[in-house]
Amino acid sequence: VNSGVKKDGSTAINGSGSQSVDGSADKTIAVTLGDSGVAAGTYSAVQ
């Protein structure tokens, strides 16, 4: 998953995941999204 780059353009905000599948059972692929560069918190305006 390519979700763009951080505000300063330095680092891409990517996500990735994989899973081995042989068709014998359902599988779920977990995707880990990269940090956007915004610290966790409460904001009244976001970009």
All heavy atoms as atom14 arrays in JSON, in Angstrom:
{
  "sequence": "VNSGVKKDGSTAINGSGSQSVDGSADKTIAVTLGDSGVAAGTYSAVQ",
  "atom14_mask": [
    [1, 1, 1, 1, 1, 1, 1, 0, 0, 0, 0, 0, 0, 0],
    [1, 1, 1, 1, 1, 1, 1, 1, 0, 0, 0, 0, 0, 0],
    [1, 1, 1, 1, 1, 1, 0, 0, 0, 0, 0, 0, 0, 0],
    [1, 1, 1, 1, 0, 0, 0, 0, 0, 0, 0, 0, 0, 0],
    [1, 1, 1, 1, 1, 1, 1, 0, 0, 0, 0, 0, 0, 0],
    [1, 1, 1, 1, 1, 1, 1, 1, 1, 0, 0, 0, 0, 0],
    [1, 1, 1, 1, 1, 1, 1, 1, 1, 0, 0, 0, 0, 0],
    [1, 1, 1, 1, 1, 1, 1, 1, 0, 0, 0, 0, 0, 0],
    [1, 1, 1, 1, 0, 0, 0, 0, 0, 0, 0, 0, 0, 0],
    [1, 1, 1, 1, 1, 1, 0, 0, 0, 0, 0, 0, 0, 0],
    [1, 1, 1, 1, 1, 1, 1, 0, 0, 0, 0, 0, 0, 0],
    [1, 1, 1, 1, 1, 0, 0, 0, 0, 0, 0, 0, 0, 0],
    [1, 1, 1, 1, 1, 1, 1, 1, 0, 0, 0, 0, 0, 0],
    [1, 1, 1, 1, 1, 1, 1, 1, 0, 0, 0, 0, 0, 0],
    [1, 1, 1, 1, 0, 0, 0, 0, 0, 0, 0, 0, 0, 0],
    [1, 1, 1, 1, 1, 1, 0, 0, 0, 0, 0, 0, 0, 0],
    [1, 1, 1, 1, 0, 0, 0, 0, 0, 0, 0, 0, 0, 0],
    [1, 1, 1, 1, 1, 1, 0, 0, 0, 0, 0, 0, 0, 0],
    [1, 1, 1, 1, 1, 1, 1, 1, 1, 0, 0, 0, 0, 0],
    [1, 1, 1, 1, 1, 1, 0, 0, 0, 0, 0, 0, 0, 0],
    [1, 1, 1, 1, 1, 1, 1, 0, 0, 0, 0, 0, 0, 0],
    [1, 1, 1, 1, 1, 1, 1, 1, 0, 0, 0, 0, 0, 0],
    [1, 1, 1, 1, 0, 0, 0, 0, 0, 0, 0, 0, 0, 0],
    [1, 1, 1, 1, 1, 1, 0, 0, 0, 0, 0, 0, 0, 0],
    [1, 1, 1, 1, 1, 0, 0, 0, 0, 0, 0, 0, 0, 0],
    [1, 1, 1, 1, 1, 1, 1, 1, 0, 0, 0, 0, 0, 0],
    [1, 1, 1, 1, 1, 1, 1, 1, 1, 0, 0, 0, 0, 0],
    [1, 1, 1, 1, 1, 1, 1, 0, 0, 0, 0, 0, 0, 0],
    [1, 1, 1, 1, 1, 1, 1, 1, 0, 0, 0, 0, 0, 0],
    [1, 1, 1, 1, 1, 0, 0, 0, 0, 0, 0, 0, 0, 0],
    [1, 1, 1, 1, 1, 1, 1, 0, 0, 0, 0, 0, 0, 0],
    [1, 1, 1, 1, 1, 1, 1, 0, 0, 0, 0, 0, 0, 0],
    [1, 1, 1, 1, 1, 1, 1, 1, 0, 0, 0, 0, 0, 0],
    [1, 1, 1, 1, 0, 0, 0, 0, 0, 0, 0, 0, 0, 0],
    [1, 1, 1, 1, 1, 1, 1, 1, 0, 0, 0, 0, 0, 0],
    [1, 1, 1, 1, 1, 1, 0, 0, 0, 0, 0, 0, 0, 0],
    [1, 1, 1, 1, 0, 0, 0, 0, 0, 0, 0, 0, 0, 0],
    [1, 1, 1, 1, 1, 1, 1, 0, 0, 0, 0, 0, 0, 0],
    [1, 1, 1, 1, 1, 0, 0, 0, 0, 0, 0, 0, 0, 0],
    [1, 1, 1, 1, 1, 0, 0, 0, 0, 0, 0, 0, 0, 0],
    [1, 1, 1, 1, 0, 0, 0, 0, 0, 0, 0, 0, 0, 0],
    [1, 1, 1, 1, 1, 1, 1, 0, 0, 0, 0, 0, 0, 0],
    [1, 1, 1, 1, 1, 1, 1, 1, 1, 1, 1, 1, 0, 0],
    [1, 1, 1, 1, 1, 1, 0, 0, 0, 0, 0, 0, 0, 0],
    [1, 1, 1, 1, 1, 0, 0, 0, 0, 0, 0, 0, 0, 0],
    [1, 1, 1, 1, 1, 1, 1, 0, 0, 0, 0, 0, 0, 0],
    [1, 1, 1, 1, 1, 1, 1, 1, 1, 0, 0, 0, 0, 0]
  ],
  "atom14_positions": [
    [[0.85, -1.19, 0.0], [0.0, 0.0, 0.0], [0.88, 1.23, 0.0], [1.72, 1.41, 0.89], [-0.93, 0.02, 1.24], [-1.8, 1.28, 1.22], [-1.8, -1.23, 1.26], [0.0, 0.0, 0.0], [0.0, 0.0, 0.0], [0.0, 0.0, 0.0], [0.0, 0.0, 0.0], [0.0, 0.0, 0.0], [0.0, 0.0, 0.0], [0.0, 0.0, 0.0]],
    [[0.71, 2.1, -0.99], [1.43, 3.36, -1.06], [0.48, 4.49, -0.69], [-0.42, 4.82, -1.45], [2.0, 3.58, -2.47], [2.76, 4.9, -2.58], [3.02, 5.55, -1.58], [3.12, 5.27, -3.81], [0.0, 0.0, 0.0], [0.0, 0.0, 0.0], [0.0, 0.0, 0.0], [0.0, 0.0, 0.0], [0.0, 0.0, 0.0], [0.0, 0.0, 0.0]],
    [[0.64, 5.08, 0.49], [-0.27, 6.11, 0.98], [0.33, 7.51, 0.9], [-0.08, 8.42, 1.62], [-0.68, 5.81, 2.43], [-1.36, 4.58, 2.5], [0.0, 0.0, 0.0], [0.0, 0.0, 0.0], [0.0, 0.0, 0.0], [0.0, 0.0, 0.0], [0.0, 0.0, 0.0], [0.0, 0.0, 0.0], [0.0, 0.0, 0.0], [0.0, 0.0, 0.0]],
    [[1.3, 7.73, 0.04], [1.89, 9.05, -0.12], [3.16, 9.2, 0.69], [3.77, 8.23, 1.13], [0.0, 0.0, 0.0], [0.0, 0.0, 0.0], [0.0, 0.0, 0.0], [0.0, 0.0, 0.0], [0.0, 0.0, 0.0], [0.0, 0.0, 0.0], [0.0, 0.0, 0.0], [0.0, 0.0, 0.0], [0.0, 0.0, 0.0], [0.0, 0.0, 0.0]],
    [[3.58, 10.48, 0.9], [4.8, 10.77, 1.65], [4.47, 11.7, 2.8], [3.41, 12.3, 2.86], [5.85, 11.42, 0.73], [6.28, 10.46, -0.37], [5.3, 12.71, 0.12], [0.0, 0.0, 0.0], [0.0, 0.0, 0.0], [0.0, 0.0, 0.0], [0.0, 0.0, 0.0], [0.0, 0.0, 0.0], [0.0, 0.0, 0.0], [0.0, 0.0, 0.0]],
    [[5.4, 11.82, 3.73], [5.22, 12.72, 4.86], [5.23, 14.17, 4.39], [5.58, 14.47, 3.25], [6.32, 12.47, 5.9], [6.27, 11.08, 6.51], [7.33, 10.88, 7.58], [7.24, 9.48, 8.19], [8.24, 9.27, 9.24], [0.0, 0.0, 0.0], [0.0, 0.0, 0.0], [0.0, 0.0, 0.0], [0.0, 0.0, 0.0], [0.0, 0.0, 0.0]],
    [[4.83, 15.09, 5.29], [4.68, 16.49, 4.93], [5.95, 17.06, 4.32], [5.91, 17.82, 3.34], [4.27, 17.3, 6.17], [4.07, 18.78, 5.89], [3.69, 19.53, 7.14], [3.53, 21.02, 6.85], [3.19, 21.78, 8.09], [0.0, 0.0, 0.0], [0.0, 0.0, 0.0], [0.0, 0.0, 0.0], [0.0, 0.0, 0.0], [0.0, 0.0, 0.0]],
    [[7.12, 16.7, 4.83], [8.38, 17.25, 4.32], [8.9, 16.49, 3.11], [9.93, 16.82, 2.54], [9.45, 17.26, 5.41], [9.68, 15.86, 5.99], [9.1, 14.88, 5.45], [10.43, 15.76, 6.98], [0.0, 0.0, 0.0], [0.0, 0.0, 0.0], [0.0, 0.0, 0.0], [0.0, 0.0, 0.0], [0.0, 0.0, 0.0], [0.0, 0.0, 0.0]],
    [[8.18, 15.45, 2.68], [8.56, 14.69, 1.49], [9.7, 13.75, 1.69], [10.21, 13.16, 0.72], [0.0, 0.0, 0.0], [0.0, 0.0, 0.0], [0.0, 0.0, 0.0], [0.0, 0.0, 0.0], [0.0, 0.0, 0.0], [0.0, 0.0, 0.0], [0.0, 0.0, 0.0], [0.0, 0.0, 0.0], [0.0, 0.0, 0.0], [0.0, 0.0, 0.0]],
    [[10.12, 13.55, 2.93], [11.33, 12.77, 3.18], [11.09, 11.27, 3.11], [11.94, 10.52, 2.61], [11.9, 13.13, 4.55], [10.95, 12.85, 5.57], [0.0, 0.0, 0.0], [0.0, 0.0, 0.0], [0.0, 0.0, 0.0], [0.0, 0.0, 0.0], [0.0, 0.0, 0.0], [0.0, 0.0, 0.0], [0.0, 0.0, 0.0], [0.0, 0.0, 0.0]],
    [[9.98, 10.8, 3.61], [9.76, 9.37, 3.74], [8.39, 8.99, 3.21], [7.39, 9.68, 3.48], [9.88, 8.93, 5.21], [11.11, 9.39, 5.75], [9.79, 7.4, 5.33], [0.0, 0.0, 0.0], [0.0, 0.0, 0.0], [0.0, 0.0, 0.0], [0.0, 0.0, 0.0], [0.0, 0.0, 0.0], [0.0, 0.0, 0.0], [0.0, 0.0, 0.0]],
    [[8.31, 7.88, 2.48], [7.03, 7.4, 1.97], [6.23, 6.75, 3.11], [6.81, 6.13, 4.01], [7.26, 6.4, 0.85], [0.0, 0.0, 0.0], [0.0, 0.0, 0.0], [0.0, 0.0, 0.0], [0.0, 0.0, 0.0], [0.0, 0.0, 0.0], [0.0, 0.0, 0.0], [0.0, 0.0, 0.0], [0.0, 0.0, 0.0], [0.0, 0.0, 0.0]],
    [[4.92, 6.91, 3.05], [4.03, 6.26, 4.03], [3.5, 4.99, 3.37], [2.52, 5.01, 2.63], [2.88, 7.19, 4.43], [3.42, 8.54, 4.9], [2.01, 6.55, 5.51], [2.33, 9.58, 5.13], [0.0, 0.0, 0.0], [0.0, 0.0, 0.0], [0.0, 0.0, 0.0], [0.0, 0.0, 0.0], [0.0, 0.0, 0.0], [0.0, 0.0, 0.0]],
    [[4.19, 3.88, 3.59], [3.84, 2.64, 2.93], [3.23, 1.63, 3.9], [3.38, 1.75, 5.13], [5.08, 2.0, 2.27], [5.62, 2.85, 1.13], [4.84, 3.51, 0.45], [6.92, 2.85, 0.94], [0.0, 0.0, 0.0], [0.0, 0.0, 0.0], [0.0, 0.0, 0.0], [0.0, 0.0, 0.0], [0.0, 0.0, 0.0], [0.0, 0.0, 0.0]],
    [[2.59, 0.62, 3.33], [2.06, -0.49, 4.11], [2.29, -1.77, 3.35], [2.25, -1.79, 2.12], [0.0, 0.0, 0.0], [0.0, 0.0, 0.0], [0.0, 0.0, 0.0], [0.0, 0.0, 0.0], [0.0, 0.0, 0.0], [0.0, 0.0, 0.0], [0.0, 0.0, 0.0], [0.0, 0.0, 0.0], [0.0, 0.0, 0.0], [0.0, 0.0, 0.0]],
    [[2.53, -2.87, 4.07], [2.79, -4.13, 3.38], [2.38, -5.3, 4.27], [2.24, -5.17, 5.49], [4.28, -4.25, 3.02], [5.08, -4.24, 4.19], [0.0, 0.0, 0.0], [0.0, 0.0, 0.0], [0.0, 0.0, 0.0], [0.0, 0.0, 0.0], [0.0, 0.0, 0.0], [0.0, 0.0, 0.0], [0.0, 0.0, 0.0], [0.0, 0.0, 0.0]],
    [[2.19, -6.47, 3.62], [1.86, -7.69, 4.34], [1.85, -8.85, 3.38], [1.69, -8.66, 2.16], [0.0, 0.0, 0.0], [0.0, 0.0, 0.0], [0.0, 0.0, 0.0], [0.0, 0.0, 0.0], [0.0, 0.0, 0.0], [0.0, 0.0, 0.0], [0.0, 0.0, 0.0], [0.0, 0.0, 0.0], [0.0, 0.0, 0.0], [0.0, 0.0, 0.0]],
    [[2.0, -10.09, 3.85], [2.01, -11.27, 2.97], [1.45, -12.47, 3.73], [1.4, -12.48, 4.97], [3.43, -11.56, 2.47], [4.29, -11.88, 3.57], [0.0, 0.0, 0.0], [0.0, 0.0, 0.0], [0.0, 0.0, 0.0], [0.0, 0.0, 0.0], [0.0, 0.0, 0.0], [0.0, 0.0, 0.0], [0.0, 0.0, 0.0], [0.0, 0.0, 0.0]],
    [[1.05, -13.52, 2.95], [0.49, -14.73, 3.56], [0.64, -15.87, 2.56], [0.44, -15.71, 1.36], [-0.99, -14.51, 3.9], [-1.67, -15.67, 4.57], [-1.13, -15.96, 5.94], [-0.24, -16.79, 6.07], [-1.66, -15.27, 6.95], [0.0, 0.0, 0.0], [0.0, 0.0, 0.0], [0.0, 0.0, 0.0], [0.0, 0.0, 0.0], [0.0, 0.0, 0.0]],
    [[1.03, -17.06, 3.04], [1.13, -18.26, 2.21], [-0.25, -18.88, 2.06], [-0.96, -19.11, 3.05], [2.11, -19.25, 2.84], [2.17, -20.44, 2.06], [0.0, 0.0, 0.0], [0.0, 0.0, 0.0], [0.0, 0.0, 0.0], [0.0, 0.0, 0.0], [0.0, 0.0, 0.0], [0.0, 0.0, 0.0], [0.0, 0.0, 0.0], [0.0, 0.0, 0.0]],
    [[-0.64, -19.19, 0.8], [-1.98, -19.7, 0.51], [-1.86, -20.92, -0.39], [-1.16, -20.88, -1.4], [-2.84, -18.62, -0.19], [-4.23, -19.16, -0.48], [-2.91, -17.36, 0.66], [0.0, 0.0, 0.0], [0.0, 0.0, 0.0], [0.0, 0.0, 0.0], [0.0, 0.0, 0.0], [0.0, 0.0, 0.0], [0.0, 0.0, 0.0], [0.0, 0.0, 0.0]],
    [[-2.55, -22.05, 0.0], [-2.59, -23.23, -0.87], [-4.02, -23.57, -1.28], [-4.27, -24.6, -1.9], [-1.93, -24.43, -0.2], [-2.66, -24.85, 1.08], [-3.73, -24.26, 1.38], [-2.16, -25.76, 1.77], [0.0, 0.0, 0.0], [0.0, 0.0, 0.0], [0.0, 0.0, 0.0], [0.0, 0.0, 0.0], [0.0, 0.0, 0.0], [0.0, 0.0, 0.0]],
    [[-4.97, -22.72, -0.92], [-6.36, -22.93, -1.32], [-7.14, -23.86, -0.42], [-8.34, -24.1, -0.64], [0.0, 0.0, 0.0], [0.0, 0.0, 0.0], [0.0, 0.0, 0.0], [0.0, 0.0, 0.0], [0.0, 0.0, 0.0], [0.0, 0.0, 0.0], [0.0, 0.0, 0.0], [0.0, 0.0, 0.0], [0.0, 0.0, 0.0], [0.0, 0.0, 0.0]],
    [[-6.51, -24.4, 0.61], [-7.21, -25.36, 1.47], [-8.0, -24.68, 2.59], [-8.84, -25.32, 3.22], [-6.21, -26.35, 2.08], [-5.27, -25.65, 2.9], [0.0, 0.0, 0.0], [0.0, 0.0, 0.0], [0.0, 0.0, 0.0], [0.0, 0.0, 0.0], [0.0, 0.0, 0.0], [0.0, 0.0, 0.0], [0.0, 0.0, 0.0], [0.0, 0.0, 0.0]],
    [[-7.72, -23.4, 2.87], [-8.4, -22.71, 3.97], [-8.36, -21.21, 3.71], [-7.54, -20.7, 2.94], [-7.74, -23.04, 5.31], [0.0, 0.0, 0.0], [0.0, 0.0, 0.0], [0.0, 0.0, 0.0], [0.0, 0.0, 0.0], [0.0, 0.0, 0.0], [0.0, 0.0, 0.0], [0.0, 0.0, 0.0], [0.0, 0.0, 0.0], [0.0, 0.0, 0.0]],
    [[-9.29, -20.48, 4.36], [-9.31, -19.02, 4.25], [-8.09, -18.44, 4.94], [-7.62, -18.95, 5.97], [-10.57, -18.45, 4.91], [-11.84, -18.87, 4.17], [-11.72, -19.24, 2.98], [-12.92, -18.82, 4.79], [0.0, 0.0, 0.0], [0.0, 0.0, 0.0], [0.0, 0.0, 0.0], [0.0, 0.0, 0.0], [0.0, 0.0, 0.0], [0.0, 0.0, 0.0]],
    [[-7.56, -17.36, 4.39], [-6.4, -16.68, 4.96], [-6.68, -15.18, 5.06], [-7.41, -14.62, 4.24], [-5.16, -16.9, 4.09], [-4.7, -18.35, 3.99], [-4.1, -18.84, 5.31], [-3.52, -20.24, 5.16], [-2.86, -20.69, 6.39], [0.0, 0.0, 0.0], [0.0, 0.0, 0.0], [0.0, 0.0, 0.0], [0.0, 0.0, 0.0], [0.0, 0.0, 0.0]],
    [[-6.09, -14.56, 6.04], [-6.19, -13.11, 6.21], [-4.8, -12.5, 6.13], [-3.87, -12.96, 6.8], [-6.82, -12.76, 7.57], [-8.14, -13.3, 7.65], [-6.91, -11.23, 7.76], [0.0, 0.0, 0.0], [0.0, 0.0, 0.0], [0.0, 0.0, 0.0], [0.0, 0.0, 0.0], [0.0, 0.0, 0.0], [0.0, 0.0, 0.0], [0.0, 0.0, 0.0]],
    [[-4.65, -11.48, 5.29], [-3.37, -10.81, 5.14], [-3.38, -9.55, 6.01], [-4.2, -8.65, 5.82], [-3.1, -10.42, 3.68], [-3.08, -11.68, 2.81], [-1.8, -9.65, 3.55], [-2.89, -11.39, 1.34], [0.0, 0.0, 0.0], [0.0, 0.0, 0.0], [0.0, 0.0, 0.0], [0.0, 0.0, 0.0], [0.0, 0.0, 0.0], [0.0, 0.0, 0.0]],
    [[-2.53, -9.5, 7.0], [-2.41, -8.34, 7.88], [-1.48, -7.32, 7.24], [-0.37, -7.66, 6.83], [-1.89, -8.75, 9.25], [0.0, 0.0, 0.0], [0.0, 0.0, 0.0], [0.0, 0.0, 0.0], [0.0, 0.0, 0.0], [0.0, 0.0, 0.0], [0.0, 0.0, 0.0], [0.0, 0.0, 0.0], [0.0, 0.0, 0.0], [0.0, 0.0, 0.0]],
    [[-1.94, -6.07, 7.12], [-1.15, -5.0, 6.51], [-0.74, -4.01, 7.59], [-1.59, -3.5, 8.32], [-1.95, -4.29, 5.4], [-1.13, -3.14, 4.82], [-2.32, -5.29, 4.3], [0.0, 0.0, 0.0], [0.0, 0.0, 0.0], [0.0, 0.0, 0.0], [0.0, 0.0, 0.0], [0.0, 0.0, 0.0], [0.0, 0.0, 0.0], [0.0, 0.0, 0.0]],
    [[0.53, -3.72, 7.68], [1.05, -2.74, 8.64], [1.33, -1.44, 7.92], [2.13, -1.4, 6.98], [2.33, -3.26, 9.3], [2.05, -4.5, 9.97], [2.84, -2.26, 10.33], [0.0, 0.0, 0.0], [0.0, 0.0, 0.0], [0.0, 0.0, 0.0], [0.0, 0.0, 0.0], [0.0, 0.0, 0.0], [0.0, 0.0, 0.0], [0.0, 0.0, 0.0]],
    [[0.63, -0.36, 8.31], [0.78, 0.94, 7.66], [1.88, 1.74, 8.34], [1.96, 1.81, 9.57], [-0.54, 1.72, 7.73], [-0.57, 3.07, 7.02], [-0.38, 2.87, 5.51], [-1.9, 3.78, 7.3], [0.0, 0.0, 0.0], [0.0, 0.0, 0.0], [0.0, 0.0, 0.0], [0.0, 0.0, 0.0], [0.0, 0.0, 0.0], [0.0, 0.0, 0.0]],
    [[2.75, 2.36, 7.54], [3.83, 3.16, 8.09], [3.32, 4.43, 8.75], [2.23, 4.93, 8.45], [0.0, 0.0, 0.0], [0.0, 0.0, 0.0], [0.0, 0.0, 0.0], [0.0, 0.0, 0.0], [0.0, 0.0, 0.0], [0.0, 0.0, 0.0], [0.0, 0.0, 0.0], [0.0, 0.0, 0.0], [0.0, 0.0, 0.0], [0.0, 0.0, 0.0]],
    [[4.09, 4.99, 9.69], [3.71, 6.22, 10.4], [3.67, 7.4, 9.44], [4.48, 7.51, 8.51], [4.71, 6.52, 11.53], [4.65, 5.45, 12.63], [3.61, 4.77, 12.71], [5.64, 5.31, 13.37], [0.0, 0.0, 0.0], [0.0, 0.0, 0.0], [0.0, 0.0, 0.0], [0.0, 0.0, 0.0], [0.0, 0.0, 0.0], [0.0, 0.0, 0.0]],
    [[2.72, 8.32, 9.67], [2.56, 9.49, 8.8], [3.45, 10.65, 9.2], [3.57, 11.63, 8.47], [1.1, 9.96, 8.82], [0.77, 10.47, 10.1], [0.0, 0.0, 0.0], [0.0, 0.0, 0.0], [0.0, 0.0, 0.0], [0.0, 0.0, 0.0], [0.0, 0.0, 0.0], [0.0, 0.0, 0.0], [0.0, 0.0, 0.0], [0.0, 0.0, 0.0]],
    [[4.05, 10.6, 10.37], [4.87, 11.7, 10.84], [4.13, 12.64, 11.78], [4.71, 13.59, 12.32], [0.0, 0.0, 0.0], [0.0, 0.0, 0.0], [0.0, 0.0, 0.0], [0.0, 0.0, 0.0], [0.0, 0.0, 0.0], [0.0, 0.0, 0.0], [0.0, 0.0, 0.0], [0.0, 0.0, 0.0], [0.0, 0.0, 0.0], [0.0, 0.0, 0.0]],
    [[2.82, 12.43, 12.02], [2.05, 13.24, 12.96], [2.0, 12.51, 14.29], [1.59, 11.34, 14.36], [0.61, 13.48, 12.44], [-0.15, 14.35, 13.42], [0.66, 14.12, 11.06], [0.0, 0.0, 0.0], [0.0, 0.0, 0.0], [0.0, 0.0, 0.0], [0.0, 0.0, 0.0], [0.0, 0.0, 0.0], [0.0, 0.0, 0.0], [0.0, 0.0, 0.0]],
    [[2.45, 13.17, 15.35], [2.44, 12.55, 16.68], [1.0, 12.27, 17.11], [0.08, 13.03, 16.8], [3.12, 13.46, 17.69], [0.0, 0.0, 0.0], [0.0, 0.0, 0.0], [0.0, 0.0, 0.0], [0.0, 0.0, 0.0], [0.0, 0.0, 0.0], [0.0, 0.0, 0.0], [0.0, 0.0, 0.0], [0.0, 0.0, 0.0], [0.0, 0.0, 0.0]],
    [[0.8, 11.19, 17.84], [-0.53, 10.84, 18.34], [-1.04, 11.94, 19.26], [-0.3, 12.49, 20.08], [-0.47, 9.51, 19.08], [0.0, 0.0, 0.0], [0.0, 0.0, 0.0], [0.0, 0.0, 0.0], [0.0, 0.0, 0.0], [0.0, 0.0, 0.0], [0.0, 0.0, 0.0], [0.0, 0.0, 0.0], [0.0, 0.0, 0.0], [0.0, 0.0, 0.0]],
    [[-2.29, 12.32, 19.12], [-2.86, 13.38, 19.94], [-4.19, 13.85, 19.36], [-4.67, 13.32, 18.36], [0.0, 0.0, 0.0], [0.0, 0.0, 0.0], [0.0, 0.0, 0.0], [0.0, 0.0, 0.0], [0.0, 0.0, 0.0], [0.0, 0.0, 0.0], [0.0, 0.0, 0.0], [0.0, 0.0, 0.0], [0.0, 0.0, 0.0], [0.0, 0.0, 0.0]],
    [[-4.77, 14.88, 19.98], [-6.05, 15.44, 19.55], [-5.8, 16.79, 18.9], [-5.16, 17.66, 19.49], [-7.01, 15.61, 20.74], [-7.22, 14.33, 21.34], [-8.34, 16.16, 20.28], [0.0, 0.0, 0.0], [0.0, 0.0, 0.0], [0.0, 0.0, 0.0], [0.0, 0.0, 0.0], [0.0, 0.0, 0.0], [0.0, 0.0, 0.0], [0.0, 0.0, 0.0]],
    [[-6.3, 16.99, 17.66], [-6.09, 18.22, 16.91], [-7.44, 18.75, 16.42], [-8.35, 17.98, 16.12], [-5.19, 17.96, 15.69], [-3.82, 17.42, 16.04], [-3.59, 16.04, 16.08], [-2.77, 18.27, 16.34], [-2.34, 15.54, 16.41], [-1.51, 17.78, 16.66], [-1.3, 16.41, 16.7], [-0.07, 15.92, 17.02], [0.0, 0.0, 0.0], [0.0, 0.0, 0.0]],
    [[-7.55, 20.08, 16.34], [-8.78, 20.68, 15.79], [-8.66, 20.92, 14.29], [-9.64, 21.25, 13.63], [-9.09, 22.01, 16.49], [-7.99, 22.9, 16.39], [0.0, 0.0, 0.0], [0.0, 0.0, 0.0], [0.0, 0.0, 0.0], [0.0, 0.0, 0.0], [0.0, 0.0, 0.0], [0.0, 0.0, 0.0], [0.0, 0.0, 0.0], [0.0, 0.0, 0.0]],
    [[-7.46, 20.77, 13.71], [-7.26, 20.9, 12.27], [-6.14, 19.96, 11.86], [-5.14, 19.84, 12.57], [-6.91, 22.34, 11.89], [0.0, 0.0, 0.0], [0.0, 0.0, 0.0], [0.0, 0.0, 0.0], [0.0, 0.0, 0.0], [0.0, 0.0, 0.0], [0.0, 0.0, 0.0], [0.0, 0.0, 0.0], [0.0, 0.0, 0.0], [0.0, 0.0, 0.0]],
    [[-6.33, 19.27, 10.74], [-5.31, 18.36, 10.23], [-5.1, 18.61, 8.75], [-6.01, 19.08, 8.05], [-5.69, 16.88, 10.47], [-5.71, 16.54, 11.93], [-7.01, 16.55, 9.8], [0.0, 0.0, 0.0], [0.0, 0.0, 0.0], [0.0, 0.0, 0.0], [0.0, 0.0, 0.0], [0.0, 0.0, 0.0], [0.0, 0.0, 0.0], [0.0, 0.0, 0.0]],
    [[-3.92, 18.29, 8.26], [-3.62, 18.33, 6.83], [-3.52, 16.9, 6.35], [-2.8, 16.09, 6.94], [-2.31, 19.09, 6.57], [-1.88, 19.1, 5.09], [-0.53, 19.77, 4.9], [-0.08, 20.52, 5.75], [0.11, 19.47, 3.78], [0.0, 0.0, 0.0], [0.0, 0.0, 0.0], [0.0, 0.0, 0.0], [0.0, 0.0, 0.0], [0.0, 0.0, 0.0]]
  ]
}
